Amino acid sequence: MALPYTMKEASNLRSQPPDQ
């Protein structure tokens, strides 16, 4: 499973998940 985003981006998603 390749990560399309960097670890930093993942941390951001933890703060505010995507509106999907």
PDB file of N, CA and C in Angstrom:
ATOM      1  N   MET A   1       0.863  -1.210   0.000  1.00  0.00           N
ATOM      2  CA  MET A   1       0.000   0.000   0.000  1.00  0.00           C
ATOM      3  C   MET A   1       0.893   1.251   0.000  1.00  0.00           C
ATOM      4  N   ALA A   2       0.954   1.907  -1.134  1.00  0.00           N
ATOM      5  CA  ALA A   2       1.794   3.114  -1.251  1.00  0.00           C
ATOM      6  C   ALA A   2       1.084   4.319  -0.654  1.00  0.00           C
ATOM      7  N   LEU A   3       1.877   5.178  -0.004  1.00  0.00           N
ATOM      8  CA  LEU A   3       1.279   6.372   0.612  1.00  0.00           C
ATOM      9  C   LEU A   3       1.329   7.548  -0.357  1.00  0.00           C
ATOM     10  N   PRO A   4       0.175   7.989  -0.829  1.00  0.00           N
ATOM     11  CA  PRO A   4       0.090   9.101  -1.787  1.00  0.00           C
ATOM     12  C   PRO A   4       0.491  10.427  -1.153  1.00  0.00           C
ATOM     13  N   TYR A   5       0.529  10.435   0.167  1.00  0.00           N
ATOM     14  CA  TYR A   5       0.889  11.681   0.852  1.00  0.00           C
ATOM     15  C   TYR A   5       2.003  11.414   1.857  1.00  0.00           C
ATOM     16  N   THR A   6       2.723  12.463   2.226  1.00  0.00           N
ATOM     17  CA  THR A   6       3.843  12.291   3.155  1.00  0.00           C
ATOM     18  C   THR A   6       3.329  12.125   4.586  1.00  0.00           C
ATOM     19  N   MET A   7       4.201  11.703   5.465  1.00  0.00           N
ATOM     20  CA  MET A   7       3.802  11.513   6.877  1.00  0.00           C
ATOM     21  C   MET A   7       3.237  12.813   7.440  1.00  0.00           C
ATOM     22  N   LYS A   8       3.799  13.926   7.000  1.00  0.00           N
ATOM     23  CA  LYS A   8       3.337  15.226   7.499  1.00  0.00           C
ATOM     24  C   LYS A   8       1.872  15.433   7.103  1.00  0.00           C
ATOM     25  N   GLU A   9       1.545  15.070   5.876  1.00  0.00           N
ATOM     26  CA  GLU A   9       0.168  15.227   5.392  1.00  0.00           C
ATOM     27  C   GLU A   9      -0.761  14.348   6.230  1.00  0.00           C
ATOM     28  N   ALA A  10      -0.320  13.129   6.495  1.00  0.00           N
ATOM     29  CA  ALA A  10      -1.124  12.195   7.287  1.00  0.00           C
ATOM     30  C   ALA A  10      -1.426  12.810   8.645  1.00  0.00           C
ATOM     31  N   SER A  11      -0.444  13.477   9.220  1.00  0.00           N
ATOM     32  CA  SER A  11      -0.641  14.109  10.530  1.00  0.00           C
ATOM     33  C   SER A  11      -1.737  15.167  10.424  1.00  0.00           C
ATOM     34  N   ASN A  12      -1.761  15.860   9.300  1.00  0.00           N
ATOM     35  CA  ASN A  12      -2.771  16.902   9.092  1.00  0.00           C
ATOM     36  C   ASN A  12      -4.159  16.274   9.027  1.00  0.00           C
ATOM     37  N   LEU A  13      -4.269  15.141   8.337  1.00  0.00           N
ATOM     38  CA  LEU A  13      -5.559  14.478   8.197  1.00  0.00           C
ATOM     39  C   LEU A  13      -6.068  14.058   9.576  1.00  0.00           C
ATOM     40  N   ARG A  14      -5.151  13.688  10.455  1.00  0.00           N
ATOM     41  CA  ARG A  14      -5.555  13.286  11.807  1.00  0.00           C
ATOM     42  C   ARG A  14      -6.213  14.468  12.525  1.00  0.00           C
ATOM     43  N   SER A  15      -5.718  15.661  12.238  1.00  0.00           N
ATOM     44  CA  SER A  15      -6.265  16.861  12.881  1.00  0.00           C
ATOM     45  C   SER A  15      -7.632  17.196  12.280  1.00  0.00           C
ATOM     46  N   GLN A  16      -7.707  17.100  10.950  1.00  0.00           N
ATOM     47  CA  GLN A  16      -8.974  17.401  10.259  1.00  0.00           C
ATOM     48  C   GLN A  16      -9.132  16.461   9.069  1.00  0.00           C
ATOM     49  N   PRO A  17      -9.909  15.378   9.263  1.00  0.00           N
ATOM     50  CA  PRO A  17     -10.128  14.377   8.215  1.00  0.00           C
ATOM     51  C   PRO A  17     -10.753  14.999   6.971  1.00  0.00           C
ATOM     52  N   PRO A  18     -10.533  14.382   5.793  1.00  0.00           N
ATOM     53  CA  PRO A  18     -11.069  14.895   4.528  1.00  0.00           C
ATOM     54  C   PRO A  18     -12.587  14.788   4.468  1.00  0.00           C
ATOM     55  N   ASP A  19     -13.227  15.722   3.802  1.00  0.00           N
ATOM     56  CA  ASP A  19     -14.698  15.711   3.667  1.00  0.00           C
ATOM     57  C   ASP A  19     -15.104  14.858   2.480  1.00  0.00           C
ATOM     58  N   GLN A  20     -15.163  13.550   2.690  1.00  0.00           N
ATOM     59  CA  GLN A  20     -15.496  12.671   1.575  1.00  0.00           C
ATOM     60  C   GLN A  20     -16.762  11.898   1.859  1.00  0.00           C
TER      61      GLN A  20
END
